[in-house]
Protein backbone atom coordinates (compact mmCIF):
# COMPACT_ATOMS: atom_id res chain seq x y z
CA MET A 1 68.32 159.02 40.44
CA ILE A 2 64.62 158.15 40.01
CA ASP A 3 62.85 157.98 43.35
CA PRO A 4 61.13 154.69 44.28
CA LEU A 5 57.57 156.06 43.94
CA THR A 6 58.19 157.29 40.41
CA ALA A 7 59.78 153.96 39.53
CA LEU A 8 56.78 152.15 40.99
CA ALA A 9 54.30 154.32 39.06
CA PHE A 10 56.17 153.65 35.84
CA SER A 11 56.22 149.90 36.51
CA VAL A 12 52.52 149.78 37.42
CA TYR A 13 51.64 151.62 34.21
CA GLU A 14 53.87 149.52 31.97
CA ASN A 15 52.88 146.19 33.60
CA LYS A 16 49.11 146.37 33.77
CA GLY A 17 47.59 143.92 36.25
CA VAL A 18 50.96 142.57 37.35
CA TYR A 19 51.05 144.06 40.85
CA CYS A 20 49.16 142.73 43.85
CA LEU A 21 48.41 145.07 46.75
CA LEU A 22 49.05 143.80 50.27
CA LEU A 23 47.08 146.02 52.63
CA GLY A 24 47.28 146.02 56.43
CA SER A 25 45.31 147.78 59.14
CA GLY A 26 47.16 151.06 58.55
CA ILE A 27 45.21 151.55 55.33
CA SER A 28 41.98 151.90 57.28
CA ARG A 29 43.39 154.09 60.04
CA PRO A 30 42.23 157.42 58.55
CA ALA A 31 38.67 156.02 58.64
CA GLN A 32 39.19 155.80 62.41
CA ILE A 33 39.03 152.05 62.29
CA PRO A 34 41.71 151.23 64.85
CA THR A 35 44.84 149.23 64.20
CA GLY A 36 45.49 145.98 66.01
CA TRP A 37 47.65 147.78 68.62
CA GLU A 38 44.95 150.35 69.29
CA VAL A 39 42.37 147.61 69.71
CA THR A 40 44.81 145.90 72.05
CA LEU A 41 45.19 148.97 74.24
CA ASP A 42 41.44 149.48 74.27
CA LEU A 43 40.93 145.88 75.35
CA VAL A 44 43.52 146.37 78.09
CA GLN A 45 41.61 149.45 79.26
CA ARG A 46 38.35 147.49 79.32
CA VAL A 47 39.96 144.70 81.32
CA ALA A 48 41.33 147.28 83.74
CA ALA A 49 37.93 148.92 84.09
CA LEU A 50 36.45 145.59 85.19
CA GLN A 51 39.07 145.59 87.94
CA GLY A 52 38.23 149.13 88.98
CA VAL A 53 41.32 150.71 87.41
CA ARG A 54 40.83 153.94 85.43
CA ASN A 55 42.78 156.90 84.05
CA GLU A 56 46.13 155.22 83.54
CA ALA A 57 48.55 157.28 81.44
CA ASP A 58 50.15 154.21 79.85
CA TRP A 59 47.92 151.15 79.56
CA ALA A 60 50.67 149.02 78.04
CA ALA A 61 52.87 149.71 81.08
CA TRP A 62 49.97 148.94 83.41
CA HIS A 63 49.40 145.59 81.70
CA LYS A 64 53.08 144.69 81.95
CA ALA A 65 53.17 145.60 85.64
CA LYS A 66 49.97 143.67 86.33
CA PHE A 67 50.60 140.52 84.28
CA GLY A 68 54.37 140.56 83.84
CA LYS A 69 54.43 140.87 80.07
CA GLU A 70 53.55 143.18 77.22
CA PRO A 71 49.90 143.16 76.15
CA ASN A 72 49.24 140.89 73.20
CA TYR A 73 46.26 141.48 70.92
CA SER A 74 45.70 137.83 70.17
CA GLU A 75 46.02 136.69 73.80
CA LEU A 76 43.68 139.36 75.10
CA LEU A 77 41.03 138.61 72.50
CA ASP A 78 41.38 134.90 73.12
CA GLN A 79 40.94 135.40 76.88
CA LEU A 80 38.04 137.84 76.65
CA ALA A 81 36.14 136.05 73.88
CA SER A 82 36.69 132.33 73.77
CA THR A 83 34.66 131.54 70.66
CA PRO A 84 34.76 133.00 67.14
CA ASP A 85 31.20 134.34 67.56
CA GLU A 86 32.21 136.26 70.66
CA ARG A 87 35.29 137.66 68.96
CA ARG A 88 33.18 138.85 66.02
CA SER A 89 30.85 140.66 68.39
CA VAL A 90 33.76 142.39 70.09
CA LEU A 91 35.17 143.55 66.76
CA HIS A 92 31.78 144.78 65.46
CA SER A 93 31.87 148.01 67.47
CA TYR A 94 35.35 148.83 66.18
CA ILE A 95 34.49 148.35 62.50
CA GLU A 96 30.80 148.91 61.75
CA PRO A 97 29.75 152.59 61.46
CA ASN A 98 26.71 153.89 63.27
CA ALA A 99 24.63 156.86 62.15
CA GLU A 100 26.93 159.29 63.96
CA ASP A 101 30.02 157.77 62.33
CA ILE A 102 28.51 158.04 58.86
CA GLU A 103 27.54 161.66 59.41
CA ALA A 104 31.07 162.46 60.62
CA GLY A 105 32.74 160.59 57.77
CA ARG A 106 34.17 157.85 60.00
CA LYS A 107 34.44 154.14 59.18
CA ILE A 108 33.79 154.74 55.48
CA PRO A 109 36.24 154.26 52.57
CA THR A 110 39.25 156.55 52.86
CA ARG A 111 41.07 158.53 50.17
CA ALA A 112 43.48 155.60 49.90
CA HIS A 113 40.62 153.14 49.35
CA GLN A 114 39.17 155.38 46.64
CA ALA A 115 42.54 155.78 44.89
CA ILE A 116 43.02 152.00 44.98
CA ALA A 117 39.55 151.52 43.52
CA ARG A 118 40.41 153.89 40.66
CA LEU A 119 43.59 151.92 39.94
CA VAL A 120 41.50 148.74 39.82
CA ALA A 121 38.80 150.33 37.65
CA ALA A 122 41.50 151.39 35.18
CA GLY A 123 42.86 147.83 35.06
CA HIS A 124 46.23 148.56 36.67
CA VAL A 125 45.57 146.37 39.72
CA ARG A 126 43.60 143.12 39.76
CA VAL A 127 44.56 141.37 43.00
CA ILE A 128 44.39 142.65 46.58
CA ILE A 129 45.46 140.76 49.69
CA THR A 130 44.33 142.34 52.94
CA THR A 131 44.64 141.47 56.60
CA ASN A 132 41.67 143.70 57.42
CA PHE A 133 38.31 142.40 58.54
CA ASP A 134 36.45 145.54 57.45
CA ARG A 135 34.74 146.00 54.10
CA LEU A 136 36.08 149.41 53.16
CA THR A 137 38.05 148.06 50.20
CA GLU A 138 35.04 146.26 48.77
CA ASN A 139 32.78 149.27 49.34
CA ALA A 140 35.18 151.61 47.54
CA LEU A 141 35.46 149.20 44.62
CA ARG A 142 31.69 149.01 44.24
CA GLU A 143 31.42 152.81 44.44
CA ASN A 144 33.81 152.93 41.46
CA GLY A 145 31.87 150.41 39.42
CA VAL A 146 33.89 147.28 40.22
CA GLU A 147 32.26 144.18 41.70
CA PRO A 148 35.10 142.23 43.37
CA THR A 149 35.47 138.51 43.88
CA VAL A 150 35.96 138.27 47.66
CA ILE A 151 37.76 135.32 49.25
CA SER A 152 37.41 135.28 53.04
CA SER A 153 37.34 131.54 53.76
CA ASP A 154 38.05 128.17 52.21
CA ASP A 155 34.36 127.86 51.38
CA SER A 156 34.29 131.11 49.42
CA LEU A 157 37.47 130.01 47.65
CA LYS A 158 35.87 126.78 46.46
CA GLY A 159 32.94 128.54 44.82
CA ALA A 160 34.76 131.62 43.54
CA VAL A 161 35.32 132.78 39.97
CA PRO A 162 38.82 131.68 38.91
CA LEU A 163 41.51 134.27 39.53
CA ILE A 164 42.29 134.66 35.83
CA HIS A 165 38.66 135.53 35.03
CA SER A 166 38.06 138.01 37.86
CA ARG A 167 38.22 141.75 37.28
CA CYS A 168 39.32 142.18 40.90
CA TYR A 169 40.25 139.43 43.35
CA VAL A 170 40.21 140.44 47.03
CA VAL A 171 41.71 137.91 49.42
CA LYS A 172 40.84 138.63 53.07
CA ILE A 173 43.36 136.29 54.64
CA HIS A 174 42.11 136.91 58.19
CA GLY A 175 38.50 136.56 57.16
CA ASP A 176 35.57 138.94 57.22
CA TYR A 177 34.27 140.39 60.47
CA LEU A 178 30.75 139.12 59.69
CA ASP A 179 32.09 135.58 59.29
CA THR A 180 32.56 133.60 62.50
CA ARG A 181 35.77 132.07 61.13
CA ILE A 182 37.88 135.23 61.41
CA ARG A 183 41.53 134.75 62.36
CA ASN A 184 42.77 136.72 65.37
CA THR A 185 44.81 134.66 67.75
CA ASP A 186 48.45 133.67 67.36
CA ALA A 187 47.37 130.11 66.68
CA GLU A 188 45.04 131.24 63.91
CA LEU A 189 47.62 133.59 62.41
CA GLY A 190 50.47 131.10 62.66
CA ALA A 191 49.29 128.78 59.89
CA TYR A 192 46.85 128.85 57.00
CA THR A 193 44.92 126.02 55.42
CA PRO A 194 46.52 124.20 52.48
CA GLU A 195 43.92 125.74 50.16
CA LEU A 196 44.72 129.30 51.24
CA ASN A 197 48.46 128.63 51.14
CA ALA A 198 48.16 127.34 47.58
CA LEU A 199 46.30 130.50 46.54
CA LEU A 200 48.86 132.78 48.21
CA ASP A 201 51.74 130.86 46.65
CA ARG A 202 50.28 131.37 43.19
CA ILE A 203 49.52 135.07 43.68
CA ILE A 204 52.91 135.94 45.20
CA ASP A 205 54.77 133.89 42.60
CA GLU A 206 52.95 135.51 39.65
CA HIS A 207 52.72 139.12 40.87
CA GLY A 208 54.82 141.95 42.15
CA LEU A 209 53.87 143.20 45.62
CA ILE A 210 52.98 146.68 46.84
CA VAL A 211 52.78 146.58 50.63
CA CYS A 212 51.16 149.35 52.65
CA GLY A 213 49.70 149.57 56.14
CA TRP A 214 51.15 146.22 57.21
CA SER A 215 53.98 146.00 59.73
CA GLY A 216 54.76 142.34 59.06
CA ASP A 217 55.18 141.69 62.79
CA TRP A 218 51.95 139.88 63.61
CA ASP A 219 51.39 137.48 60.71
CA PRO A 220 53.97 134.66 60.59
CA ALA A 221 51.97 132.61 58.08
CA LEU A 222 51.78 135.53 55.66
CA ARG A 223 55.48 136.29 56.10
CA SER A 224 56.26 132.67 55.34
CA ALA A 225 54.15 132.78 52.17
CA ILE A 226 56.11 135.78 50.90
CA ILE A 227 59.51 134.36 51.78
CA ARG A 228 58.92 130.90 50.29
CA ALA A 229 57.87 132.25 46.88
CA PRO A 230 60.33 130.68 44.40
CA ASN A 231 60.40 133.45 41.81
CA ARG A 232 61.08 137.17 41.93
CA ARG A 233 60.07 137.98 38.39
CA TYR A 234 58.38 141.21 39.58
CA PRO A 235 59.64 143.49 42.36
CA MET A 236 58.34 144.31 45.82
CA PHE A 237 57.71 147.86 47.04
CA TRP A 238 57.08 148.38 50.75
CA ALA A 239 55.50 151.72 51.69
CA ALA A 240 56.12 152.62 55.32
CA ARG A 241 55.96 155.60 57.64
CA GLY A 242 59.47 155.95 58.95
CA LYS A 243 61.78 152.99 59.29
CA VAL A 244 60.39 149.49 58.75
CA SER A 245 60.59 146.99 61.59
CA ALA A 246 63.37 144.43 61.79
CA VAL A 247 60.95 141.70 60.75
CA ALA A 248 59.74 143.69 57.75
CA ASP A 249 63.32 144.54 56.81
CA THR A 250 64.11 140.84 56.67
CA VAL A 251 61.17 140.22 54.31
CA VAL A 252 62.13 143.17 52.10
CA GLY A 253 65.72 141.99 51.95
CA HIS A 254 64.71 138.46 51.07
CA ARG A 255 62.62 139.71 48.16
CA ALA A 256 65.20 142.34 47.10
CA GLY A 257 62.44 144.89 47.58
CA ARG A 258 62.51 148.68 47.84
CA VAL A 259 61.19 150.74 50.76
CA ILE A 260 59.17 153.89 50.00
CA THR A 261 58.96 156.34 52.88
CA ILE A 262 55.46 157.84 53.04
CA GLU A 263 53.49 160.26 55.19
CA GLY A 264 50.42 158.05 55.16
CA ALA A 265 48.40 155.63 53.07
CA ASP A 266 46.05 158.31 51.73
CA ALA A 267 48.81 160.50 50.32
CA PHE A 268 50.75 157.48 49.02
CA PHE A 269 47.96 155.88 47.02
CA GLU A 270 46.59 159.17 45.75
CA ARG A 271 50.06 160.13 44.56
CA LEU A 272 50.60 156.71 42.97
CA GLU A 273 47.24 156.83 41.22
CA MET A 274 47.93 160.35 39.98
CA LEU A 275 51.32 159.39 38.54
CA VAL A 276 49.91 156.28 36.86
CA SER A 277 46.87 158.04 35.41
CA ALA A 278 49.06 160.94 34.27
CA GLN A 279 50.99 158.51 32.09
CA THR A 280 47.72 157.20 30.68
CA ASP A 281 46.29 160.64 29.94
CA ALA A 282 49.55 162.02 28.60
CA GLN A 283 50.06 159.23 26.11
CA ARG A 284 49.95 160.75 22.66
CA PRO A 285 47.00 159.40 20.64
CA ASN A 286 47.89 156.53 18.37
CA PRO A 287 49.78 158.15 15.45
CA ARG A 288 47.86 156.07 12.92
CA SER A 289 44.55 157.18 14.43
CA VAL A 290 45.64 160.83 14.35
CA ASP A 291 46.85 160.59 10.77
CA LEU A 292 43.60 158.90 9.74
CA LEU A 293 41.47 161.62 11.34
CA VAL A 294 43.59 164.39 9.78
CA ALA A 295 43.31 162.70 6.37
CA SER A 296 39.56 162.46 6.88
CA ALA A 297 39.42 166.20 7.67
CA LYS A 298 41.27 166.97 4.41
CA LYS A 299 38.83 164.81 2.48
CA PHE A 300 35.76 166.34 4.13
CA LEU A 301 37.08 169.87 3.64
CA ALA A 302 37.69 169.32 -0.08
CA ARG A 303 34.14 168.17 -0.82
CA PRO A 304 31.11 170.26 0.21
CA GLU A 305 28.88 167.18 0.44
CA PHE A 306 30.99 166.02 3.39
CA ARG A 307 30.46 169.20 5.42
CA ILE A 308 28.23 167.40 7.91
CA GLN A 309 30.89 164.75 8.51
CA LEU A 310 33.50 167.48 9.06
CA ASP A 311 31.25 169.21 11.59
CA GLU A 312 30.69 165.90 13.38
CA LEU A 313 34.43 165.20 13.48
CA ILE A 314 35.18 168.62 14.97
CA GLY A 315 32.23 168.34 17.37
CA ALA A 316 33.34 164.96 18.68
CA GLU A 317 36.85 166.25 19.43
CA LEU A 318 35.48 169.44 21.00
CA ARG A 319 33.20 167.43 23.29
CA ARG A 320 36.14 165.28 24.35
CA ILE A 321 38.22 168.34 25.27
CA ASP A 322 35.29 170.03 26.98
CA SER A 323 34.50 166.91 28.99
CA PHE A 324 38.11 166.64 30.14
CA VAL A 325 38.23 170.27 31.25
CA MET A 326 34.81 170.14 32.91
CA SER A 327 35.79 167.02 34.84
CA GLY A 328 38.55 169.03 36.50
CA GLY A 329 41.28 168.62 33.90
CA PHE A 330 44.16 167.91 36.20
CA GLN A 331 44.29 168.63 39.91
CA PRO A 332 46.63 166.57 42.09
CA PRO A 333 45.59 165.23 45.51
CA PRO A 334 45.64 167.63 48.46
CA GLY A 335 49.10 168.41 49.75
CA ASP A 336 52.22 170.33 48.93
CA TRP A 337 53.15 171.46 45.43
CA GLN A 338 55.37 169.06 43.48
CA SER A 339 57.53 170.26 40.60
CA ASP A 340 56.22 167.60 38.22
CA PHE A 341 52.57 168.61 38.64
CA PHE A 342 52.78 171.32 35.98
CA ALA A 343 54.51 169.16 33.38
CA SER A 344 51.98 166.36 33.96
CA ALA A 345 49.06 168.75 33.53
CA VAL A 346 50.48 170.30 30.35
CA ALA A 347 51.03 166.84 28.85
CA ARG A 348 47.46 165.81 29.64
CA TYR A 349 45.92 168.86 28.00
CA GLU A 350 48.07 168.40 24.90
CA ALA A 351 47.11 164.74 24.63
CA GLN A 352 43.44 165.76 24.68
CA THR A 353 43.88 168.58 22.15
CA GLU A 354 46.38 167.29 19.57
CA ILE A 355 43.85 165.78 17.17
CA LEU A 356 41.66 168.88 16.99
CA ALA A 357 44.71 171.16 16.79
CA ARG A 358 46.03 169.30 13.78
CA ILE A 359 42.59 169.36 12.18
CA PHE A 360 42.49 173.13 12.76
CA GLY A 361 45.84 173.35 10.98
CA VAL A 362 44.27 171.66 7.96
CA LEU A 363 41.29 174.03 8.11
CA GLY A 364 43.50 177.11 8.22
CA ARG A 365 45.83 175.96 5.47
CA TYR A 366 43.32 174.53 2.98
CA GLY A 367 40.03 176.16 3.97
CA LYS A 368 38.34 178.76 1.75
CA GLY A 369 36.86 180.85 4.56
CA ASP A 370 33.57 179.08 5.19
CA GLU A 371 35.19 177.22 8.12
CA PHE A 372 36.36 180.44 9.80
CA ARG A 373 33.28 181.14 11.91
CA ASP A 374 33.19 177.57 13.29
CA ALA A 375 36.91 177.64 14.17
CA VAL A 376 36.61 180.99 15.93
CA GLU A 377 33.57 179.80 17.85
CA VAL A 378 35.49 176.80 19.20
CA ILE A 379 38.52 178.90 20.22
CA THR A 380 36.47 181.58 21.96
CA ARG A 381 34.28 179.01 23.67
CA LEU A 382 37.28 177.19 25.11
CA GLY A 383 38.99 180.50 25.92
CA HIS A 384 37.07 181.18 29.12
CA ARG A 385 36.30 179.13 32.21
CA GLU A 386 34.71 180.10 35.48
CA SER A 387 37.11 180.47 38.39
CA GLY A 388 38.06 177.25 40.16
CA SER A 389 39.94 176.05 43.22
CA GLY A 390 43.36 174.44 43.39
CA PHE A 391 46.88 175.42 42.45
CA ASN A 392 46.58 178.58 40.30
CA SER A 393 49.13 177.40 37.76
CA LEU A 394 47.01 174.31 37.13
CA VAL A 395 43.61 176.00 37.29
CA ASN A 396 44.76 178.52 34.68
CA LEU A 397 45.64 175.72 32.29
CA ARG A 398 41.96 175.00 31.72
CA THR A 399 42.06 177.44 28.78
CA TYR A 400 45.28 175.92 27.39
CA PRO A 401 43.33 174.03 24.67
CA ALA A 402 42.14 177.41 23.33
CA VAL A 403 45.73 178.65 23.14
CA LEU A 404 46.80 175.50 21.29
CA LEU A 405 43.94 175.85 18.80
CA LEU A 406 44.71 179.57 18.32
CA TYR A 407 48.29 178.75 17.36
CA ALA A 408 47.26 175.76 15.23
CA TYR A 409 44.70 177.71 13.22
CA GLY A 410 46.63 181.00 13.15
CA ILE A 411 49.94 179.56 11.90
CA ALA A 412 48.03 177.70 9.17
CA LEU A 413 46.18 180.88 8.14
CA LEU A 414 49.54 182.60 7.82
CA LYS A 415 50.90 179.76 5.70
CA ALA A 416 47.88 180.18 3.39
CA HIS A 417 48.46 183.99 3.25
CA ARG A 418 44.99 184.53 4.72
CA PHE A 419 46.04 187.76 6.46
CA THR A 420 42.54 189.20 6.67
CA ASP A 421 41.21 186.11 8.43
CA LEU A 422 44.23 186.11 10.74
CA PHE A 423 43.58 189.73 11.73
CA LYS A 424 39.91 188.93 12.31
CA LEU A 425 40.95 185.98 14.46
CA PHE A 426 43.11 188.16 16.72
CA SER A 427 40.28 190.70 16.92
CA GLU A 428 37.44 188.34 17.86
CA SER A 429 35.78 189.02 21.22
CA ILE A 430 35.68 186.48 24.04
CA ASN A 431 32.74 186.49 26.44
CA VAL A 432 34.17 186.31 29.97
CA GLY A 433 30.88 187.06 31.70
CA ARG A 434 31.53 190.76 32.33
CA ARG A 435 29.74 193.72 30.79
CA ASP A 436 32.59 196.10 31.57
CA TYR A 437 35.33 193.94 30.04
CA VAL A 438 35.16 192.15 26.71
CA PRO A 439 38.68 191.04 25.72
CA THR A 440 39.80 189.97 22.28
CA VAL A 441 41.60 186.80 21.37
CA ALA A 442 44.90 188.72 21.24
CA SER A 443 44.36 190.40 24.60
CA HIS A 444 43.15 187.23 26.35
CA LEU A 445 44.99 184.24 24.88
CA LEU A 446 48.26 185.52 23.43
CA LEU A 447 51.49 184.90 25.36
CA SER A 448 51.76 187.07 28.50
CA ARG A 449 48.14 188.20 28.13
CA TRP A 450 46.97 184.64 28.75
CA GLU A 451 46.19 183.69 32.36
CA GLY A 452 48.25 180.52 31.98
CA ALA A 453 51.41 182.62 31.68
CA GLU A 454 50.85 184.30 35.05
CA HIS A 455 54.01 184.06 37.19
CA ASP A 456 55.69 182.28 34.24
CA PRO A 457 55.28 178.63 35.32
CA TRP A 458 56.56 177.53 31.89
CA ASN A 459 60.14 177.86 33.06
CA LEU A 460 59.40 174.85 35.28
CA LEU A 461 59.63 172.78 32.11
CA TYR A 462 63.26 173.81 31.63
CA GLY A 463 64.63 172.95 35.06
CA LYS A 464 67.26 175.38 36.32
CA GLU A 465 67.49 177.13 32.95
CA GLN A 466 65.52 180.39 32.97
CA ARG A 467 64.25 181.50 29.57
CA ARG A 468 63.02 184.96 28.56
CA ALA A 469 60.22 183.49 26.43
CA ALA A 470 59.62 180.08 28.03
CA LEU A 471 55.98 179.74 26.89
CA SER A 472 56.78 180.74 23.32
CA ASP A 473 59.81 178.44 23.21
CA TYR A 474 57.75 175.56 24.50
CA LEU A 475 54.93 176.10 22.00
CA HIS A 476 57.52 176.31 19.23
CA GLY A 477 58.57 172.76 20.11
CA VAL A 478 54.96 171.54 20.19
CA PHE A 479 53.96 172.99 16.82
CA GLU A 480 57.13 171.94 15.08
CA ASN A 481 55.55 168.47 15.28
CA TRP A 482 51.90 169.48 14.88
CA THR A 483 52.32 171.30 11.54
CA VAL A 484 53.66 168.35 9.56
CA ASP A 485 50.28 167.95 7.83
CA TYR A 486 50.82 171.08 5.69
CA LEU A 487 54.47 172.12 6.07
CA PHE A 488 56.63 169.95 3.85
CA THR A 489 59.98 171.75 3.70
CA ASN A 490 62.61 172.23 6.36
CA GLY A 491 63.38 175.67 7.65
CA GLU A 492 60.11 177.55 7.09
CA PHE A 493 58.41 176.65 10.37
CA THR A 494 60.36 178.96 12.70
CA THR A 495 59.80 181.98 10.46
CA LEU A 496 56.07 181.24 10.28
CA PHE A 497 55.88 180.73 14.05
CA VAL A 498 57.72 183.96 14.93
CA GLN A 499 55.75 185.95 12.35
CA PHE A 500 52.46 184.61 13.74
CA GLU A 501 53.40 185.80 17.23
CA LEU A 502 54.64 189.17 15.95
CA LEU A 503 51.39 189.70 14.04
CA GLY A 504 49.57 188.94 17.27
CA THR A 505 51.72 191.57 18.96
CA LEU A 506 50.88 194.05 16.18
CA ALA A 507 47.17 193.27 16.44
CA TYR A 508 47.27 193.81 20.21
CA ILE A 509 49.07 197.16 19.86
CA GLY A 510 46.39 198.28 17.40
CA GLN A 511 43.65 197.31 19.84
CA ALA A 512 45.21 198.92 22.91
CA ASN A 513 46.86 202.12 21.64
CA ASP A 514 45.90 205.06 19.47
CA LYS A 515 48.43 206.77 17.23
CA SER A 516 49.19 209.54 19.74
CA MET A 517 50.39 206.96 22.29
CA LEU A 518 52.74 205.47 19.72
CA GLN A 519 54.01 208.90 18.73
CA ALA A 520 54.71 209.81 22.36
CA ALA A 521 56.68 206.63 23.12
CA PRO A 522 59.88 207.45 21.13
CA LYS A 523 59.99 210.95 22.54
CA ALA A 524 60.06 209.49 26.02
CA GLN A 525 62.61 206.90 24.87
CA SER A 526 60.00 204.28 25.67
CA TYR A 527 57.63 201.83 23.98
CA VAL A 528 54.08 200.56 24.41
CA ARG A 529 53.69 197.31 26.27
CA ALA A 530 52.52 194.25 24.37
CA PRO A 531 52.84 190.44 24.52
CA MET A 532 56.07 189.20 22.93
CA GLY A 533 57.35 185.73 22.10
CA ARG A 534 60.58 184.30 20.68
CA ALA A 535 61.28 187.54 18.83
CA VAL A 536 62.66 188.77 22.17
CA TRP A 537 65.80 186.71 21.67
CA ASP A 538 65.61 185.51 18.04
CA GLY A 539 66.59 188.89 16.64
CA ARG A 540 67.75 187.56 13.29
CA THR A 541 64.38 186.03 12.42
CA ALA A 542 62.49 189.00 13.86
CA ARG A 543 64.48 191.58 11.87
CA SER A 544 63.82 189.72 8.62
CA ILE A 545 60.10 189.67 9.35
CA LEU A 546 59.89 193.33 10.37
CA ASP A 547 61.82 194.34 7.25
CA SER A 548 59.23 192.52 5.14
CA TRP A 549 56.50 194.51 6.91
CA LYS A 550 58.21 197.70 5.78
CA GLY A 551 58.44 196.39 2.22
CA GLU A 552 56.43 193.86 0.24
CA LEU A 553 54.03 192.92 3.03
CA LYS A 554 53.10 196.46 4.03
CA PRO A 555 50.08 196.84 1.69
CA VAL A 556 48.91 193.32 2.49
CA LEU A 557 48.95 193.94 6.25
CA LEU A 558 47.27 197.34 5.97
CA GLN A 559 44.54 195.97 3.72
CA ALA A 560 43.95 193.09 6.16
CA GLY A 561 43.34 195.60 8.99
CA PHE A 562 46.61 195.46 10.89
CA ALA A 563 47.99 198.78 12.22
CA ARG A 564 44.50 200.25 11.81
CA GLY A 565 45.15 200.32 8.06
CA ASP A 566 47.52 203.27 8.56
CA GLN A 567 51.07 203.06 7.21
CA GLU A 568 52.36 205.69 9.65
CA TYR A 569 50.80 203.71 12.51
CA LEU A 570 52.52 200.58 11.18
CA ALA A 571 55.92 202.32 11.14
CA LEU A 572 55.43 203.53 14.71
CA ALA A 573 54.28 200.09 15.85
CA ILE A 574 57.32 198.43 14.29
CA GLU A 575 59.60 200.92 16.05
CA SER A 576 57.87 200.21 19.36
CA ILE A 577 58.21 196.43 18.88
CA VAL A 578 61.94 196.81 18.21
CA HIS A 579 62.43 198.88 21.38
CA LEU A 580 60.28 196.48 23.43
CA ALA A 581 62.24 193.44 22.24
CA SER A 582 65.55 195.18 22.89
CA ASN A 583 64.49 196.08 26.41
CA MET A 584 63.25 192.56 27.18
CA ARG A 585 66.56 191.03 26.07
CA TRP A 586 68.21 192.71 29.02
């Protein structure tokens, strides 16, 4: 069954601008802006200090013993500060950061505020209701390029931009701490003005609700607004740490809402934003746009006078991929590893790379060789990144676009029988910033030699099923769809795919082993190690390909440079590949 957070992320993505956030004091707690209860206890402590009482272990118990009832935030504030101006002054020290706070990162927008601001900037959220007096939400929005329409009183409501025309509408139902009309006491929280009630009725009727950081216990007027809403056209999700209160449970039940158990507001909103943005990034480019760009590449490639346009098309796609990778690619918020992180990251990289990969397929299939140097330059450039921080399986994916382009271009070269260019492609050097180590494309990007295959995270994409060649199997599925621009008959793709990988294996063996090493392997009933793909288990296809290497393709491969141009070396390499595949099957 889909968990509530995943369901919420899907709904937020599919229903852009439909959800309203209802944020309580808990959202600002990580900024060390206290909740209403914490302010209450602090006020109790200050009252006690005036009476000469200090160092009580339980201030709530002291208040009950002294006054015969539990401390009440509204009553205390009403007694200590009789006018709105006095109440605002009391609250100032709890909310406004001083120089020390700013330096320590206190009383500034939290991770939750920033994640919310990103959701707003992307257009997924347009309306926010908050019980907080602070300005952390507004500050985070402005930091992310969104200027909100802020409603904190009836006066600001009268002069505000209409809700339908606002990019982000923030309703501060208890007011703003710099406004003397803030609502604190039970009397003030018990009923709203007709104007504010009308606004709340419209928002709650027309939007789904995502509640976080609000207990529901202290705001009867807000509870009433939620309960009296006539329609439930969009759902309610209530994010809470632990079990919701009885009052909140009543509201959730009335709205047929769903409770999401969370560790805190920061983790919840970061996770929600990640899941929503992952759907955005992973959306395959519009098929018509892709087809148009691929058709343009074919046209530009066929006519030399369009070479500049072809270079510009490739350059634009390369810059897009490079920008995505340089911006961090995909790293989830801090916390524990989640099984869907890897799949989300893979989907994002593929969405960024598909257009250029399909263009590279066109170049390999229909090019005459003058495009080779540019294609290799792109692959080798994307094939190395400086080390980064984060989950290794995700950090290593930063070179995944290079792997995709290698397969796209290489399979197409094979289809065009451009064996010499294919051998040169596998043999190209990649600059990894080391004088003592200069790997080739085959030794750096092919199958198990690629850093992205370390610890075999690709089996995560197959659930409980463990595959011997998970990366190869997965790429087979990707390129079955990405080669439609030049493969027009059923049944030839798998043979091309397996042969491409086997030729990569052969190229790697030639780079890493001299003939004496190959000669020694059979005597020791062994083989030389090399990256292997689907040929490990697809023996029927592999045998057909290897037989062709011994027959009609032998002179072609040797002339192209494979097996060091030596037919004895080729025979030994084939024997080693057979033994390696047989061993890996077990």
